[in-house]
């Protein structure tokens, strides 16, 4: 009896896992079969395998479980065959799912807490594009995230809001240097500008996978440096 109860618990856990993770699919009939099977199983088991009490298995119960399980498998096989399923290759050591959904978590919690929602959105979009091999789009988004923080740094160093509508990193960097901004920060930004941003702004330019990955990591570093520089100004 103990083995049979534990098997029911395992089946219940698998079915509940399936329901949670298939919530956004169009497998309606399959999910209905799962709910039917759970309705049969759940009244007979406790909340954990340690609870070994189970209502008596009346004649035909196990055959009914088997029947509903086979109905679920057949329905799932039918509905899933037309589903669009794809795999995404991992980029370096970045978790693919985290890269697609919350790439800004590659930054420290302290840095993240100070970023605007617009910057975090740009980083998230850059990560999603990188994961899905949209290399040039990833570059645009991550560079825009850095640029938002450059403007914030320029505002902090100058003590006045930046009024220019020209999105020119060369101008930003020259102004920062004239204001005696941190030379290590402006030097790193100038490196990104010359090797990545300037070539990318031309319509015919595209990024390779390796370039996009390098740029993504370089820009995360730039964001951390800019945040530290901003925080270092009273």
Foldseek 3Di string as FASTA:
>chain_A
DLVVQVVLVVLLVVLVVCCVVCVPPPLVVLNVLSVVLCVLRVQFHDPDSVGRGGDDQDPPSVVVNVVSVVVNVVSCVVVVVPDDDDDWDDDPPDDLVCLQAFQVVVADPVLVVPADPQLRVLSNQLSNCLRVQVQLSSLVSLVVSLLVLLQVLLCLLVVHHDDDPDSDLVVSLVSCVVSVADPVLSVLSVVCCVPPVVQSVDPVDGDGSVRSSVSSVSSSVSSVVSSVSSVPRD
